[in-house]
């Protein structure tokens, strides 16, 4: 390839900076690309962060899949050991699940109480990251102890060491509610919506809230899988294989709507932000048309010296791509900087204003996470440069349509 048209394209780019109007239009085109690219990178990274936190925080505490047995599961140790050896299953832990009302002084709140085996639970969940080791040790060693989501404890006004009344509904129509008192040993602080309703207790601590025939049994096994996306079909396969008295539930049923909403939001917002990038990319058209008008004398001379139409097009395509590449590079750098500072900046702003922008009773998370992924960066840069390239074609084609005789007649 003849490098001369490329060299001329670079020279025209430098020369346009000395022209007032062309310099202004080039700056506007580049600024539009910088803003569009940086915002697109930031938005996609925030959506990636929400998706990651859903997987790691919420599904790090709640089961990826739950296996139940009608009438309760008595010999759960043997079944848990057998399931843990299956392909794709990374662990199994027992649980008891009770929906109850918590009453402390004049306040009451609904809660979801999970009875767990502390040692087994730490092998299949991330509870150790969201609760202190002292609280977990107390939960295991002291009967009647519970851990409570930090937001739920705040709404009740309860502090560690206090006794709280737990009211569980009767298991049959007309049966009396079960009432028991438990002691708060510590908090669970996941920074997610679970902090509004989650309570953890040892398995034996919940016997008083369950029918006598279920004592010594668990409701089911919490299953952890090597791949989260495989959890639904693997859990269904296990339940079907074990027989009709077994059934399962999985994260796609409990939180699948939130997961798909995040995916859909990412796609829609990404599309809208891409339109901003497209608009900024097509601003290059006006810049190049003015360059063609200003340089028509030079174009005519190049044509008379034997420059082909392809060479003329390459000159202006090169100039447009240089402007676009500069805007994309600066936009990408700004986007990376915004991704890096967005979470601490929001936390600092919350501290200065004394407000919390995201509340766990409304939003699934209480912070704004961000995660930049290489495939998103490649897609953004690739789409932006393709749009810039397309935008350069019309002005470059117009340059090839200039007739040297008509242009030079008035020079």
Foldseek 3Di string as FASTA:
>chain_A
DDCVLLVLLVVLLVVLCVDDVLVVLLVLLLVLLLVLLLVLLQLLQLLVFVLVLCVAQVCLQDFQKWKFFPLFAQPVVVVQVVVCPDPFFPGKWFWAWFWWWKADDPDIDIAIEIATDLVRSVSAHVQCVFWPPQLSVCLNPPAQEKEAQPQCCVRNVDDAFDKMKIWTCDPDPPDHIFIDIGGYHYYGYRQFLNSNHYMYHHPQNCCSRDDPSCVSGTRTMRIHGPDSVCSPVVQQVVQVVVDDRMDMDRCCVVPVVVSVVSVVVSVVVSVVSVVSLLVSLLSLLVSLLVSLVVCLLVLLVCVVVPDDLVSLLSSQLSNLLVSLVSSNVSSVVSSVVCLVCVFVVQVVVCVVVVHFPDDNVVGGGRTRHGHRDPVSSVVSSVSSSVSNSVSSRVSSNVSSPDHSVVVVVVD
